[in-house]
Amino acid sequence: MDVRFNYADKTRLEEILPVCFEILYENMSVIAPTGDSYEEDLRMWYENIYPLMEKAERQLVLLYCQEELAGYFQYSVLDDSLLMEEIQFRAKFHGTGLFRQLYTWLIKQLPKDLCCVAAYAHKNNQKSQSILNYLGLACGNENKSGNSFYYKGSYRTLLEKYRTQ
């Protein structure tokens, strides 16, 4: 499978984000549906995503298989911590090894002095919770709204898992 990873050009968000939302909506409508309409979910996502993408530390990695956008990954590096914000793959790419390839590529891009890695997982999203546990992150507190769990772990564990791949 021909795979490549590119950082999104933030000046082109108008064309990139609609495709990213399609991937997100496909997954979340199964994993953790909001009960809102597609249009309401899209509006809410745009209201949240645009201010976040303006931040220099917020990165958006686009994952391509052949020439198709197979998924995306959003993250931030704050001080000595990696905050994994959102990772989504089209359903047909689940279980293809794309996740492993992404993390093998990602650790080569990140600063070498990171200590911690953290993420949130929606309480209804058992798949994300399982992945975060697999990555060596421990479940801690809930977020402010109470709908997600906060996970935290050592960046070294993540590095050791994917450095030699």
Protein backbone atom coordinates (compact mmCIF):
# COMPACT_ATOMS: atom_id res chain seq x y z
CA MET A 1 0.00 0.00 0.00
CA ASP A 2 1.50 3.34 -1.12
CA VAL A 3 1.18 5.61 1.94
CA ARG A 4 2.34 9.15 2.50
CA PHE A 5 1.90 11.70 5.27
CA ASN A 6 1.79 15.46 4.77
CA TYR A 7 1.30 18.36 7.11
CA ALA A 8 -1.76 20.29 6.02
CA ASP A 9 -1.23 23.70 4.53
CA LYS A 10 -3.21 25.85 6.98
CA THR A 11 -3.86 28.42 4.25
CA ARG A 12 -5.96 25.77 2.45
CA LEU A 13 -8.24 24.75 5.33
CA GLU A 14 -11.37 25.69 3.35
CA GLU A 15 -10.75 22.75 0.99
CA ILE A 16 -9.16 20.32 3.46
CA LEU A 17 -11.51 20.47 6.44
CA PRO A 18 -14.74 19.43 4.66
CA VAL A 19 -13.09 16.16 3.60
CA CYS A 20 -11.74 15.64 7.12
CA PHE A 21 -15.23 16.16 8.53
CA GLU A 22 -16.65 13.53 6.16
CA ILE A 23 -14.19 11.01 7.62
CA LEU A 24 -14.97 12.08 11.18
CA TYR A 25 -18.72 11.94 10.61
CA GLU A 26 -18.52 8.49 9.04
CA ASN A 27 -16.74 7.17 12.13
CA MET A 28 -18.46 9.08 14.90
CA SER A 29 -21.97 8.43 13.64
CA VAL A 30 -21.19 4.78 14.48
CA ILE A 31 -18.96 5.15 17.57
CA ALA A 32 -20.42 8.10 19.46
CA PRO A 33 -23.37 9.70 17.67
CA THR A 34 -24.36 13.12 18.96
CA GLY A 35 -28.04 12.82 18.09
CA ASP A 36 -27.79 16.07 16.14
CA SER A 37 -28.21 16.47 12.40
CA TYR A 38 -25.28 16.32 10.01
CA GLU A 39 -25.53 20.09 9.53
CA GLU A 40 -25.52 20.75 13.29
CA ASP A 41 -22.51 18.47 13.81
CA LEU A 42 -20.68 20.17 10.93
CA ARG A 43 -21.43 23.65 12.28
CA MET A 44 -20.26 22.69 15.78
CA TRP A 45 -17.07 21.10 14.43
CA TYR A 46 -16.24 24.17 12.31
CA GLU A 47 -16.87 26.49 15.26
CA ASN A 48 -14.35 24.50 17.28
CA ILE A 49 -11.78 23.52 14.67
CA TYR A 50 -11.02 26.88 13.05
CA PRO A 51 -9.86 28.65 16.24
CA LEU A 52 -7.74 25.60 17.14
CA MET A 53 -6.09 25.47 13.73
CA GLU A 54 -5.01 29.10 14.12
CA LYS A 55 -2.70 28.06 16.96
CA ALA A 56 0.89 27.51 15.86
CA GLU A 57 1.29 24.39 18.00
CA ARG A 58 -1.76 22.69 16.46
CA GLN A 59 -0.77 20.39 13.59
CA LEU A 60 -2.90 18.53 11.09
CA VAL A 61 -1.33 15.53 9.37
CA LEU A 62 -3.08 14.21 6.27
CA LEU A 63 -2.73 10.49 5.54
CA TYR A 64 -2.92 9.38 1.92
CA CYS A 65 -3.16 5.88 0.47
CA GLN A 66 -2.41 6.09 -3.21
CA GLU A 67 -3.95 9.54 -3.86
CA GLU A 68 -6.98 9.13 -1.60
CA LEU A 69 -7.22 10.95 1.71
CA ALA A 70 -7.39 7.95 4.04
CA GLY A 71 -7.43 9.87 7.30
CA TYR A 72 -5.99 12.63 9.39
CA PHE A 73 -4.35 13.22 12.74
CA GLN A 74 -4.39 16.40 14.81
CA TYR A 75 -1.94 17.02 17.60
CA SER A 76 -0.20 19.73 19.59
CA VAL A 77 3.19 19.87 21.24
CA LEU A 78 3.07 21.95 24.41
CA ASP A 79 6.28 22.30 26.36
CA ASP A 80 7.45 18.69 26.85
CA SER A 81 4.10 17.03 26.07
CA LEU A 82 2.42 15.60 23.00
CA LEU A 83 -1.35 16.07 23.08
CA MET A 84 -3.02 13.74 20.60
CA GLU A 85 -6.15 15.64 19.63
CA GLU A 86 -7.96 13.61 17.00
CA ILE A 87 -7.17 10.68 14.74
CA GLN A 88 -9.57 9.44 12.12
CA PHE A 89 -9.27 6.91 9.28
CA ARG A 90 -11.84 6.06 6.65
CA ALA A 91 -13.51 2.77 7.63
CA LYS A 92 -11.99 0.88 4.69
CA PHE A 93 -8.50 1.64 6.06
CA HIS A 94 -9.15 0.33 9.56
CA GLY A 95 -6.94 -2.65 10.30
CA THR A 96 -4.57 -2.05 7.37
CA GLY A 97 -1.52 -1.05 9.41
CA LEU A 98 -1.97 2.64 8.66
CA PHE A 99 -1.99 3.49 12.38
CA ARG A 100 1.43 1.85 12.89
CA GLN A 101 2.82 3.56 9.80
CA LEU A 102 1.55 6.94 11.02
CA TYR A 103 3.17 6.59 14.44
CA THR A 104 6.42 5.29 12.97
CA TRP A 105 6.52 8.40 10.74
CA LEU A 106 5.30 10.75 13.48
CA ILE A 107 8.00 10.01 16.05
CA LYS A 108 10.58 11.03 13.45
CA GLN A 109 8.87 14.44 13.15
CA LEU A 110 8.41 15.22 16.84
CA PRO A 111 10.92 16.92 19.17
CA LYS A 112 13.27 14.42 20.81
CA ASP A 113 12.87 15.86 24.32
CA LEU A 114 9.18 15.07 24.86
CA CYS A 115 8.31 13.48 28.21
CA CYS A 116 4.55 12.98 28.24
CA VAL A 117 1.80 12.02 25.87
CA ALA A 118 -1.87 12.70 26.56
CA ALA A 119 -5.25 12.35 24.88
CA TYR A 120 -8.97 12.42 25.51
CA ALA A 121 -11.33 9.61 24.53
CA HIS A 122 -15.10 9.93 24.46
CA LYS A 123 -16.71 7.67 27.06
CA ASN A 124 -18.70 5.88 24.34
CA ASN A 125 -15.64 5.34 22.15
CA GLN A 126 -14.35 1.98 23.33
CA LYS A 127 -12.06 1.66 20.30
CA SER A 128 -10.17 4.86 21.16
CA GLN A 129 -9.92 3.83 24.79
CA SER A 130 -8.46 0.47 23.75
CA ILE A 131 -5.92 2.15 21.46
CA LEU A 132 -4.82 4.56 24.19
CA ASN A 133 -4.39 1.67 26.62
CA TYR A 134 -2.38 -0.18 23.95
CA LEU A 135 -0.15 2.89 23.59
CA GLY A 136 0.60 2.68 27.32
CA LEU A 137 -1.54 5.59 28.46
CA ALA A 138 -3.43 5.35 31.72
CA CYS A 139 -6.99 6.58 32.16
CA GLY A 140 -7.30 9.41 34.65
CA ASN A 141 -9.91 12.10 35.16
CA GLU A 142 -12.83 13.18 33.03
CA ASN A 143 -12.92 16.35 30.97
CA LYS A 144 -14.94 19.36 32.19
CA SER A 145 -18.13 18.31 30.40
CA GLY A 146 -17.85 14.76 31.76
CA ASN A 147 -18.22 13.09 28.34
CA SER A 148 -14.56 12.06 27.86
CA PHE A 149 -11.74 10.41 29.79
CA TYR A 150 -8.28 11.94 30.02
CA TYR A 151 -5.37 9.58 29.31
CA LYS A 152 -1.72 10.24 30.05
CA GLY A 153 1.51 8.32 29.73
CA SER A 154 5.21 8.42 29.04
CA TYR A 155 6.36 9.52 25.61
CA ARG A 156 9.25 7.07 26.02
CA THR A 157 6.78 4.16 25.92
CA LEU A 158 5.35 5.43 22.63
CA LEU A 159 8.84 6.02 21.26
CA GLU A 160 10.00 2.51 22.16
CA LYS A 161 6.94 0.97 20.56
CA TYR A 162 7.39 2.71 17.18
CA ARG A 163 11.03 3.78 16.93
CA THR A 164 12.31 0.51 15.43
CA GLN A 165 9.49 -0.06 13.00
